[in-house]
PDB file of N, CA and C in Angstrom:
ATOM      1  N   MET A   1     -47.950 -35.520  17.582  1.00  0.00           N
ATOM      2  CA  MET A   1     -48.198 -36.711  16.106  1.00  0.00           C
ATOM      3  C   MET A   1     -47.193 -37.113  16.041  1.00  0.00           C
ATOM      4  N   LYS A   2     -47.574 -39.119  15.903  1.00  0.00           N
ATOM      5  CA  LYS A   2     -46.265 -39.657  15.911  1.00  0.00           C
ATOM      6  C   LYS A   2     -46.540 -40.000  13.999  1.00  0.00           C
ATOM      7  N   SER A   3     -45.577 -40.337  13.419  1.00  0.00           N
ATOM      8  CA  SER A   3     -45.499 -40.751  12.137  1.00  0.00           C
ATOM      9  C   SER A   3     -44.559 -41.746  11.715  1.00  0.00           C
ATOM     10  N   HIS A   4     -44.598 -42.259  10.136  1.00  0.00           N
ATOM     11  CA  HIS A   4     -44.365 -43.281  10.019  1.00  0.00           C
ATOM     12  C   HIS A   4     -43.774 -43.092   8.480  1.00  0.00           C
ATOM     13  N   LEU A   5     -42.809 -43.065   7.561  1.00  0.00           N
ATOM     14  CA  LEU A   5     -42.056 -42.985   6.508  1.00  0.00           C
ATOM     15  C   LEU A   5     -41.937 -43.961   5.721  1.00  0.00           C
ATOM     16  N   SER A   6     -42.578 -43.753   4.243  1.00  0.00           N
ATOM     17  CA  SER A   6     -42.617 -44.939   3.202  1.00  0.00           C
ATOM     18  C   SER A   6     -43.648 -45.676   3.438  1.00  0.00           C
ATOM     19  N   ARG A   7     -44.025 -46.359   2.802  1.00  0.00           N
ATOM     20  CA  ARG A   7     -45.240 -47.342   2.030  1.00  0.00           C
ATOM     21  C   ARG A   7     -45.265 -48.732   2.883  1.00  0.00           C
ATOM     22  N   GLU A   8     -44.373 -48.857   3.427  1.00  0.00           N
ATOM     23  CA  GLU A   8     -44.306 -49.743   4.513  1.00  0.00           C
ATOM     24  C   GLU A   8     -45.271 -49.755   5.829  1.00  0.00           C
ATOM     25  N   ARG A   9     -45.652 -51.195   6.280  1.00  0.00           N
ATOM     26  CA  ARG A   9     -47.063 -50.690   7.318  1.00  0.00           C
ATOM     27  C   ARG A   9     -46.366 -50.705   8.668  1.00  0.00           C
ATOM     28  N   SER A  10     -46.679 -49.925   9.451  1.00  0.00           N
ATOM     29  CA  SER A  10     -46.321 -49.723  10.679  1.00  0.00           C
ATOM     30  C   SER A  10     -46.438 -50.015  11.617  1.00  0.00           C
ATOM     31  N   GLY A  11     -46.171 -51.080  12.595  1.00  0.00           N
ATOM     32  CA  GLY A  11     -46.713 -52.157  13.789  1.00  0.00           C
ATOM     33  C   GLY A  11     -46.811 -50.836  14.799  1.00  0.00           C
ATOM     34  N   PHE A  12     -46.223 -49.871  14.855  1.00  0.00           N
ATOM     35  CA  PHE A  12     -46.161 -49.355  16.210  1.00  0.00           C
ATOM     36  C   PHE A  12     -47.503 -48.696  16.216  1.00  0.00           C
ATOM     37  N   LEU A  13     -47.449 -47.873  14.496  1.00  0.00           N
ATOM     38  CA  LEU A  13     -48.751 -47.118  14.502  1.00  0.00           C
ATOM     39  C   LEU A  13     -49.775 -47.602  14.416  1.00  0.00           C
ATOM     40  N   ALA A  14     -49.985 -48.763  14.047  1.00  0.00           N
ATOM     41  CA  ALA A  14     -51.379 -49.673  14.153  1.00  0.00           C
ATOM     42  C   ALA A  14     -51.714 -49.935  15.642  1.00  0.00           C
ATOM     43  N   ASN A  15     -50.543 -50.545  16.311  1.00  0.00           N
ATOM     44  CA  ASN A  15     -51.032 -51.066  17.844  1.00  0.00           C
ATOM     45  C   ASN A  15     -51.100 -49.703  18.580  1.00  0.00           C
ATOM     46  N   GLU A  16     -50.281 -48.303  17.809  1.00  0.00           N
ATOM     47  CA  GLU A  16     -50.773 -47.393  18.908  1.00  0.00           C
ATOM     48  C   GLU A  16     -52.290 -46.810  18.842  1.00  0.00           C
ATOM     49  N   ARG A  17     -52.921 -46.632  17.637  1.00  0.00           N
ATOM     50  CA  ARG A  17     -54.558 -46.780  16.888  1.00  0.00           C
ATOM     51  C   ARG A  17     -55.270 -47.431  17.301  1.00  0.00           C
ATOM     52  N   LYS A  18     -54.894 -48.720  18.087  1.00  0.00           N
ATOM     53  CA  LYS A  18     -55.636 -49.606  18.428  1.00  0.00           C
ATOM     54  C   LYS A  18     -55.909 -49.566  20.007  1.00  0.00           C
ATOM     55  N   ARG A  19     -54.990 -48.964  20.273  1.00  0.00           N
ATOM     56  CA  ARG A  19     -54.808 -48.518  21.581  1.00  0.00           C
ATOM     57  C   ARG A  19     -55.559 -47.650  22.230  1.00  0.00           C
ATOM     58  N   LEU A  20     -55.327 -46.167  20.822  1.00  0.00           N
ATOM     59  CA  LEU A  20     -56.016 -45.087  21.738  1.00  0.00           C
ATOM     60  C   LEU A  20     -57.439 -45.305  21.490  1.00  0.00           C
ATOM     61  N   ASP A  21     -58.245 -46.526  20.657  1.00  0.00           N
ATOM     62  CA  ASP A  21     -59.389 -46.386  20.192  1.00  0.00           C
ATOM     63  C   ASP A  21     -59.850 -47.928  21.243  1.00  0.00           C
ATOM     64  N   LYS A  22     -58.932 -48.401  22.096  1.00  0.00           N
ATOM     65  CA  LYS A  22     -59.633 -49.271  23.185  1.00  0.00           C
ATOM     66  C   LYS A  22     -60.238 -50.683  22.226  1.00  0.00           C
ATOM     67  N   PHE A  23     -59.302 -51.048  21.394  1.00  0.00           N
ATOM     68  CA  PHE A  23     -59.486 -52.224  20.678  1.00  0.00           C
ATOM     69  C   PHE A  23     -60.747 -52.173  20.108  1.00  0.00           C
ATOM     70  N   GLU A  24     -61.569 -51.183  19.743  1.00  0.00           N
ATOM     71  CA  GLU A  24     -63.077 -51.066  19.432  1.00  0.00           C
ATOM     72  C   GLU A  24     -62.951 -50.950  18.423  1.00  0.00           C
ATOM     73  N   CYS A  25     -63.973 -51.684  17.422  1.00  0.00           N
ATOM     74  CA  CYS A  25     -64.058 -51.164  15.997  1.00  0.00           C
ATOM     75  C   CYS A  25     -64.556 -49.755  15.816  1.00  0.00           C
ATOM     76  N   GLN A  26     -64.138 -48.711  15.116  1.00  0.00           N
ATOM     77  CA  GLN A  26     -65.129 -47.678  14.984  1.00  0.00           C
ATOM     78  C   GLN A  26     -66.158 -47.564  13.611  1.00  0.00           C
ATOM     79  N   VAL A  27     -66.094 -48.688  13.685  1.00  0.00           N
ATOM     80  CA  VAL A  27     -67.284 -48.789  12.453  1.00  0.00           C
ATOM     81  C   VAL A  27     -68.817 -49.612  13.366  1.00  0.00           C
ATOM     82  N   CYS A  28     -68.592 -50.412  13.682  1.00  0.00           N
ATOM     83  CA  CYS A  28     -69.923 -51.460  14.407  1.00  0.00           C
ATOM     84  C   CYS A  28     -69.788 -51.332  15.981  1.00  0.00           C
ATOM     85  N   GLY A  29     -68.575 -50.933  16.244  1.00  0.00           N
ATOM     86  CA  GLY A  29     -68.461 -50.767  18.001  1.00  0.00           C
ATOM     87  C   GLY A  29     -68.105 -52.418  18.565  1.00  0.00           C
ATOM     88  N   LEU A  30     -67.922 -53.296  17.661  1.00  0.00           N
ATOM     89  CA  LEU A  30     -67.205 -54.591  18.097  1.00  0.00           C
ATOM     90  C   LEU A  30     -66.212 -54.458  18.897  1.00  0.00           C
ATOM     91  N   SER A  31     -66.154 -54.979  20.248  1.00  0.00           N
ATOM     92  CA  SER A  31     -65.157 -55.240  21.131  1.00  0.00           C
ATOM     93  C   SER A  31     -64.325 -56.664  21.029  1.00  0.00           C
ATOM     94  N   PHE A  32     -63.592 -56.854  20.859  1.00  0.00           N
ATOM     95  CA  PHE A  32     -63.773 -58.742  20.462  1.00  0.00           C
ATOM     96  C   PHE A  32     -63.079 -59.137  22.283  1.00  0.00           C
ATOM     97  N   ALA A  33     -62.683 -57.797  22.888  1.00  0.00           N
ATOM     98  CA  ALA A  33     -62.487 -58.260  24.811  1.00  0.00           C
ATOM     99  C   ALA A  33     -63.983 -58.991  25.298  1.00  0.00           C
ATOM    100  N   ASP A  34     -64.852 -58.076  24.874  1.00  0.00           N
ATOM    101  CA  ASP A  34     -66.493 -58.296  25.336  1.00  0.00           C
ATOM    102  C   ASP A  34     -66.725 -59.111  24.816  1.00  0.00           C
ATOM    103  N   THR A  35     -66.516 -59.860  23.822  1.00  0.00           N
ATOM    104  CA  THR A  35     -67.138 -60.987  23.078  1.00  0.00           C
ATOM    105  C   THR A  35     -66.605 -61.952  23.117  1.00  0.00           C
ATOM    106  N   TYR A  36     -64.988 -62.442  23.355  1.00  0.00           N
ATOM    107  CA  TYR A  36     -64.546 -63.606  23.866  1.00  0.00           C
ATOM    108  C   TYR A  36     -63.868 -63.557  24.821  1.00  0.00           C
ATOM    109  N   GLY A  37     -64.122 -62.269  25.525  1.00  0.00           N
ATOM    110  CA  GLY A  37     -62.994 -62.355  26.870  1.00  0.00           C
ATOM    111  C   GLY A  37     -61.718 -62.251  26.787  1.00  0.00           C
ATOM    112  N   LYS A  38     -61.018 -62.984  27.694  1.00  0.00           N
ATOM    113  CA  LYS A  38     -59.753 -63.255  27.537  1.00  0.00           C
ATOM    114  C   LYS A  38     -59.084 -63.568  26.283  1.00  0.00           C
ATOM    115  N   LEU A  39     -59.494 -64.381  25.478  1.00  0.00           N
ATOM    116  CA  LEU A  39     -58.963 -64.652  24.271  1.00  0.00           C
ATOM    117  C   LEU A  39     -58.900 -63.706  23.486  1.00  0.00           C
ATOM    118  N   GLY A  40     -60.069 -62.694  23.526  1.00  0.00           N
ATOM    119  CA  GLY A  40     -60.189 -61.263  22.709  1.00  0.00           C
ATOM    120  C   GLY A  40     -59.326 -60.038  22.979  1.00  0.00           C
ATOM    121  N   GLU A  41     -58.465 -60.242  24.083  1.00  0.00           N
ATOM    122  CA  GLU A  41     -58.202 -58.751  24.554  1.00  0.00           C
ATOM    123  C   GLU A  41     -57.093 -58.659  23.667  1.00  0.00           C
ATOM    124  N   GLU A  42     -56.923 -57.091  23.919  1.00  0.00           N
ATOM    125  CA  GLU A  42     -55.653 -56.231  22.647  1.00  0.00           C
ATOM    126  C   GLU A  42     -55.936 -56.782  20.971  1.00  0.00           C
ATOM    127  N   PHE A  43     -57.374 -57.215  20.751  1.00  0.00           N
ATOM    128  CA  PHE A  43     -57.072 -57.762  19.568  1.00  0.00           C
ATOM    129  C   PHE A  43     -58.098 -56.667  18.604  1.00  0.00           C
ATOM    130  N   ALA A  44     -57.267 -56.699  17.569  1.00  0.00           N
ATOM    131  CA  ALA A  44     -58.606 -55.626  16.594  1.00  0.00           C
ATOM    132  C   ALA A  44     -57.391 -55.534  15.155  1.00  0.00           C
ATOM    133  N   GLU A  45     -57.974 -55.385  14.314  1.00  0.00           N
ATOM    134  CA  GLU A  45     -57.157 -54.775  13.080  1.00  0.00           C
ATOM    135  C   GLU A  45     -56.625 -53.212  12.785  1.00  0.00           C
ATOM    136  N   ALA A  46     -56.430 -52.926  12.149  1.00  0.00           N
ATOM    137  CA  ALA A  46     -56.112 -51.530  11.881  1.00  0.00           C
ATOM    138  C   ALA A  46     -55.792 -51.212  10.225  1.00  0.00           C
ATOM    139  N   HIS A  47     -56.972 -50.357   9.678  1.00  0.00           N
ATOM    140  CA  HIS A  47     -57.586 -50.105   8.219  1.00  0.00           C
ATOM    141  C   HIS A  47     -56.532 -48.980   8.064  1.00  0.00           C
ATOM    142  N   HIS A  48     -55.959 -48.673   6.895  1.00  0.00           N
ATOM    143  CA  HIS A  48     -55.198 -47.510   5.998  1.00  0.00           C
ATOM    144  C   HIS A  48     -56.855 -46.548   5.598  1.00  0.00           C
ATOM    145  N   ARG A  49     -56.881 -45.911   5.992  1.00  0.00           N
ATOM    146  CA  ARG A  49     -58.013 -45.120   5.553  1.00  0.00           C
ATOM    147  C   ARG A  49     -58.237 -44.833   3.920  1.00  0.00           C
ATOM    148  N   ILE A  50     -56.549 -44.565   3.465  1.00  0.00           N
ATOM    149  CA  ILE A  50     -56.345 -44.332   1.927  1.00  0.00           C
ATOM    150  C   ILE A  50     -55.415 -45.242   1.914  1.00  0.00           C
ATOM    151  N   PRO A  51     -55.996 -46.684   1.100  1.00  0.00           N
ATOM    152  CA  PRO A  51     -54.995 -47.634   1.102  1.00  0.00           C
ATOM    153  C   PRO A  51     -53.708 -47.304   0.329  1.00  0.00           C
ATOM    154  N   LEU A  52     -52.792 -47.954   0.949  1.00  0.00           N
ATOM    155  CA  LEU A  52     -51.411 -47.704   0.477  1.00  0.00           C
ATOM    156  C   LEU A  52     -50.809 -47.834  -0.844  1.00  0.00           C
ATOM    157  N   ALA A  53     -51.933 -49.019  -1.383  1.00  0.00           N
ATOM    158  CA  ALA A  53     -51.491 -49.502  -3.021  1.00  0.00           C
ATOM    159  C   ALA A  53     -52.136 -47.908  -3.789  1.00  0.00           C
ATOM    160  N   SER A  54     -52.585 -46.767  -3.264  1.00  0.00           N
ATOM    161  CA  SER A  54     -52.908 -45.919  -4.170  1.00  0.00           C
ATOM    162  C   SER A  54     -52.349 -44.762  -4.153  1.00  0.00           C
ATOM    163  N   LEU A  55     -51.045 -44.827  -3.183  1.00  0.00           N
ATOM    164  CA  LEU A  55     -50.373 -43.946  -3.182  1.00  0.00           C
ATOM    165  C   LEU A  55     -49.206 -44.140  -3.648  1.00  0.00           C
ATOM    166  N   SER A  56     -48.472 -43.295  -3.854  1.00  0.00           N
ATOM    167  CA  SER A  56     -46.889 -42.977  -5.098  1.00  0.00           C
ATOM    168  C   SER A  56     -45.948 -42.572  -4.169  1.00  0.00           C
ATOM    169  N   GLY A  57     -44.902 -43.349  -4.397  1.00  0.00           N
ATOM    170  CA  GLY A  57     -43.404 -41.899  -3.633  1.00  0.00           C
ATOM    171  C   GLY A  57     -43.701 -42.339  -2.120  1.00  0.00           C
ATOM    172  N   LYS A  58     -42.934 -42.049  -1.625  1.00  0.00           N
ATOM    173  CA  LYS A  58     -42.771 -41.687   0.050  1.00  0.00           C
ATOM    174  C   LYS A  58     -43.682 -40.870   0.753  1.00  0.00           C
ATOM    175  N   VAL A  59     -44.326 -41.921   1.670  1.00  0.00           N
ATOM    176  CA  VAL A  59     -45.923 -40.943   2.155  1.00  0.00           C
ATOM    177  C   VAL A  59     -45.607 -41.077   3.688  1.00  0.00           C
ATOM    178  N   GLU A  60     -45.868 -40.206   4.033  1.00  0.00           N
ATOM    179  CA  GLU A  60     -45.963 -40.066   5.813  1.00  0.00           C
ATOM    180  C   GLU A  60     -47.057 -40.710   6.023  1.00  0.00           C
ATOM    181  N   THR A  61     -47.026 -42.288   6.681  1.00  0.00           N
ATOM    182  CA  THR A  61     -48.408 -42.529   7.674  1.00  0.00           C
ATOM    183  C   THR A  61     -48.831 -41.670   9.042  1.00  0.00           C
ATOM    184  N   ARG A  62     -49.660 -40.891   9.024  1.00  0.00           N
ATOM    185  CA  ARG A  62     -49.810 -41.151  10.554  1.00  0.00           C
ATOM    186  C   ARG A  62     -51.063 -41.358  11.094  1.00  0.00           C
ATOM    187  N   ILE A  63     -50.972 -41.345  12.413  1.00  0.00           N
ATOM    188  CA  ILE A  63     -51.745 -42.092  12.878  1.00  0.00           C
ATOM    189  C   ILE A  63     -53.464 -41.809  12.706  1.00  0.00           C
ATOM    190  N   GLU A  64     -53.582 -40.672  12.263  1.00  0.00           N
ATOM    191  CA  GLU A  64     -54.661 -39.895  12.100  1.00  0.00           C
ATOM    192  C   GLU A  64     -55.307 -40.566  10.616  1.00  0.00           C
ATOM    193  N   ASP A  65     -54.350 -41.621   9.898  1.00  0.00           N
ATOM    194  CA  ASP A  65     -54.630 -42.013   8.733  1.00  0.00           C
ATOM    195  C   ASP A  65     -55.093 -43.679   9.138  1.00  0.00           C
ATOM    196  N   LEU A  66     -54.781 -44.021  10.727  1.00  0.00           N
ATOM    197  CA  LEU A  66     -55.749 -45.283  10.280  1.00  0.00           C
ATOM    198  C   LEU A  66     -56.515 -45.708  11.411  1.00  0.00           C
ATOM    199  N   ALA A  67     -57.545 -46.351  11.327  1.00  0.00           N
ATOM    200  CA  ALA A  67     -58.701 -46.691  12.070  1.00  0.00           C
ATOM    201  C   ALA A  67     -58.990 -48.320  12.547  1.00  0.00           C
ATOM    202  N   THR A  68     -59.223 -48.499  13.348  1.00  0.00           N
ATOM    203  CA  THR A  68     -59.407 -49.501  14.434  1.00  0.00           C
ATOM    204  C   THR A  68     -60.844 -50.479  14.012  1.00  0.00           C
ATOM    205  N   VAL A  69     -60.620 -51.328  13.556  1.00  0.00           N
ATOM    206  CA  VAL A  69     -62.073 -52.176  12.910  1.00  0.00           C
ATOM    207  C   VAL A  69     -61.874 -53.491  13.111  1.00  0.00           C
ATOM    208  N   CYS A  70     -62.937 -54.138  13.341  1.00  0.00           N
ATOM    209  CA  CYS A  70     -63.090 -55.556  13.518  1.00  0.00           C
ATOM    210  C   CYS A  70     -62.627 -56.195  12.083  1.00  0.00           C
ATOM    211  N   SER A  71     -62.883 -57.565  11.981  1.00  0.00           N
ATOM    212  CA  SER A  71     -62.442 -58.222  10.855  1.00  0.00           C
ATOM    213  C   SER A  71     -63.320 -58.162  10.007  1.00  0.00           C
ATOM    214  N   ASN A  72     -64.936 -58.197  10.022  1.00  0.00           N
ATOM    215  CA  ASN A  72     -65.420 -58.024   9.505  1.00  0.00           C
ATOM    216  C   ASN A  72     -65.889 -57.039   8.628  1.00  0.00           C
ATOM    217  N   CYS A  73     -65.589 -56.052   9.428  1.00  0.00           N
ATOM    218  CA  CYS A  73     -65.691 -54.389   8.957  1.00  0.00           C
ATOM    219  C   CYS A  73     -64.675 -54.575   8.133  1.00  0.00           C
ATOM    220  N   HIS A  74     -63.303 -54.286   8.819  1.00  0.00           N
ATOM    221  CA  HIS A  74     -62.160 -54.264   7.294  1.00  0.00           C
ATOM    222  C   HIS A  74     -62.403 -54.803   6.059  1.00  0.00           C
ATOM    223  N   ARG A  75     -63.074 -56.174   5.768  1.00  0.00           N
ATOM    224  CA  ARG A  75     -62.839 -56.698   4.781  1.00  0.00           C
ATOM    225  C   ARG A  75     -63.953 -56.027   4.052  1.00  0.00           C
ATOM    226  N   MET A  76     -65.057 -55.187   4.188  1.00  0.00           N
ATOM    227  CA  MET A  76     -66.108 -54.449   3.661  1.00  0.00           C
ATOM    228  C   MET A  76     -65.304 -53.320   3.683  1.00  0.00           C
ATOM    229  N   LEU A  77     -64.588 -52.522   4.313  1.00  0.00           N
ATOM    230  CA  LEU A  77     -63.985 -51.649   3.880  1.00  0.00           C
ATOM    231  C   LEU A  77     -63.376 -51.821   2.558  1.00  0.00           C
ATOM    232  N   HIS A  78     -62.626 -53.378   2.482  1.00  0.00           N
ATOM    233  CA  HIS A  78     -61.516 -53.583   1.093  1.00  0.00           C
ATOM    234  C   HIS A  78     -62.550 -53.333  -0.064  1.00  0.00           C
ATOM    235  N   ARG A  79     -63.916 -53.552   0.178  1.00  0.00           N
ATOM    236  CA  ARG A  79     -64.798 -53.416  -0.962  1.00  0.00           C
ATOM    237  C   ARG A  79     -65.341 -52.544  -1.321  1.00  0.00           C
ATOM    238  N   MET A  80     -64.686 -51.003  -0.428  1.00  0.00           N
ATOM    239  CA  MET A  80     -65.570 -49.836  -1.110  1.00  0.00           C
ATOM    240  C   MET A  80     -64.860 -49.325  -1.672  1.00  0.00           C
ATOM    241  N   ASP A  81     -64.643 -47.909  -1.710  1.00  0.00           N
ATOM    242  CA  ASP A  81     -64.149 -46.992  -2.821  1.00  0.00           C
ATOM    243  C   ASP A  81     -62.151 -46.810  -2.569  1.00  0.00           C
ATOM    244  N   GLY A  82     -62.086 -47.206  -1.499  1.00  0.00           N
ATOM    245  CA  GLY A  82     -60.620 -46.785  -0.763  1.00  0.00           C
ATOM    246  C   GLY A  82     -60.806 -45.228  -0.952  1.00  0.00           C
ATOM    247  N   LYS A  83     -61.567 -44.609  -0.231  1.00  0.00           N
ATOM    248  CA  LYS A  83     -61.464 -43.271   0.266  1.00  0.00           C
ATOM    249  C   LYS A  83     -61.951 -43.127   1.811  1.00  0.00           C
ATOM    250  N   ARG A  84     -60.933 -41.654   2.130  1.00  0.00           N
ATOM    251  CA  ARG A  84     -61.173 -41.680   3.392  1.00  0.00           C
ATOM    252  C   ARG A  84     -62.420 -41.653   4.307  1.00  0.00           C
ATOM    253  N   GLY A  85     -63.329 -41.397   3.300  1.00  0.00           N
ATOM    254  CA  GLY A  85     -64.770 -41.392   4.391  1.00  0.00           C
ATOM    255  C   GLY A  85     -65.477 -42.536   4.302  1.00  0.00           C
ATOM    256  N   ASP A  86     -64.417 -43.587   3.803  1.00  0.00           N
ATOM    257  CA  ASP A  86     -65.442 -44.785   4.128  1.00  0.00           C
ATOM    258  C   ASP A  86     -65.306 -45.529   5.191  1.00  0.00           C
ATOM    259  N   VAL A  87     -64.878 -45.300   5.849  1.00  0.00           N
ATOM    260  CA  VAL A  87     -65.082 -45.600   7.410  1.00  0.00           C
ATOM    261  C   VAL A  87     -66.256 -45.134   7.886  1.00  0.00           C
ATOM    262  N   ASP A  88     -66.555 -43.733   7.808  1.00  0.00           N
ATOM    263  CA  ASP A  88     -67.909 -43.286   8.273  1.00  0.00           C
ATOM    264  C   ASP A  88     -68.879 -43.765   7.325  1.00  0.00           C
ATOM    265  N   LYS A  89     -68.902 -43.432   5.997  1.00  0.00           N
ATOM    266  CA  LYS A  89     -70.160 -43.985   4.912  1.00  0.00           C
ATOM    267  C   LYS A  89     -70.294 -45.488   5.473  1.00  0.00           C
ATOM    268  N   LEU A  90     -69.296 -46.817   6.022  1.00  0.00           N
ATOM    269  CA  LEU A  90     -69.982 -48.012   6.372  1.00  0.00           C
ATOM    270  C   LEU A  90     -70.702 -47.899   7.874  1.00  0.00           C
ATOM    271  N   ARG A  91     -70.043 -46.919   8.628  1.00  0.00           N
ATOM    272  CA  ARG A  91     -70.729 -46.971  10.207  1.00  0.00           C
ATOM    273  C   ARG A  91     -71.903 -46.458   9.981  1.00  0.00           C
ATOM    274  N   SER A  92     -72.431 -45.791   8.724  1.00  0.00           N
ATOM    275  CA  SER A  92     -73.707 -44.940   9.007  1.00  0.00           C
ATOM    276  C   SER A  92     -74.927 -46.154   8.301  1.00  0.00           C
ATOM    277  N   ILE A  93     -74.280 -46.883   6.991  1.00  0.00           N
ATOM    278  CA  ILE A  93     -74.698 -48.218   6.679  1.00  0.00           C
ATOM    279  C   ILE A  93     -75.002 -49.116   7.953  1.00  0.00           C
ATOM    280  N   VAL A  94     -73.999 -49.230   8.711  1.00  0.00           N
ATOM    281  CA  VAL A  94     -74.206 -50.419   9.962  1.00  0.00           C
ATOM    282  C   VAL A  94     -75.650 -49.936  10.928  1.00  0.00           C
ATOM    283  N   ARG A  95     -75.388 -48.682  11.039  1.00  0.00           N
ATOM    284  CA  ARG A  95     -76.195 -48.245  12.027  1.00  0.00           C
ATOM    285  C   ARG A  95     -77.255 -48.166  11.236  1.00  0.00           C
ATOM    286  N   LYS A  96     -77.835 -47.985  10.377  1.00  0.00           N
ATOM    287  CA  LYS A  96     -78.844 -48.169   9.548  1.00  0.00           C
ATOM    288  C   LYS A  96     -79.594 -49.797   9.399  1.00  0.00           C
ATOM    289  N   ARG A  97     -78.941 -50.220   9.474  1.00  0.00           N
ATOM    290  CA  ARG A  97     -79.223 -51.902   9.294  1.00  0.00           C
ATOM    291  C   ARG A  97     -79.630 -52.635  10.607  1.00  0.00           C
ATOM    292  N   VAL A  98     -79.152 -51.896  11.803  1.00  0.00           N
ATOM    293  CA  VAL A  98     -79.261 -52.532  13.261  1.00  0.00           C
ATOM    294  C   VAL A  98     -80.511 -52.083  13.829  1.00  0.00           C
ATOM    295  N   SER A  99     -81.183 -53.287  14.222  1.00  0.00           N
ATOM    296  CA  SER A  99     -82.935 -52.919  14.552  1.00  0.00           C
ATOM    297  C   SER A  99     -82.327 -52.628  15.967  1.00  0.00           C
ATOM    298  N   TYR A 100     -83.368 -51.441  16.189  1.00  0.00           N
ATOM    299  CA  TYR A 100     -83.092 -50.747  18.102  1.00  0.00           C
ATOM    300  C   TYR A 100     -84.227 -51.443  18.472  1.00  0.00           C
ATOM    301  N   THR A 101     -84.852 -52.522  18.352  1.00  0.00           N
ATOM    302  CA  THR A 101     -86.075 -53.101  19.270  1.00  0.00           C
ATOM    303  C   THR A 101     -85.867 -53.347  20.520  1.00  0.00           C
TER     304      THR A 101
END
């Protein structure tokens, strides 16, 4: 298990999380590469499941604390409660709204 100490952001962990998730949004399933071709290859954002601002002192960030998301879902996550379960909650909202016709 890889981890990073302190409240600073770890580019290494973020990139590792995105690579493990194949750069696919864990909320809506968007792949920038599928949508934008070569331009979108290896593009996505990493979301801290628990916002760094809500933590105090020295914190160990683990790869499990991050989620790969697209830009839109990332913005929606930051409008939510800032709790560990927000990714799953938003995924449920998105799935209910998607039409399977």
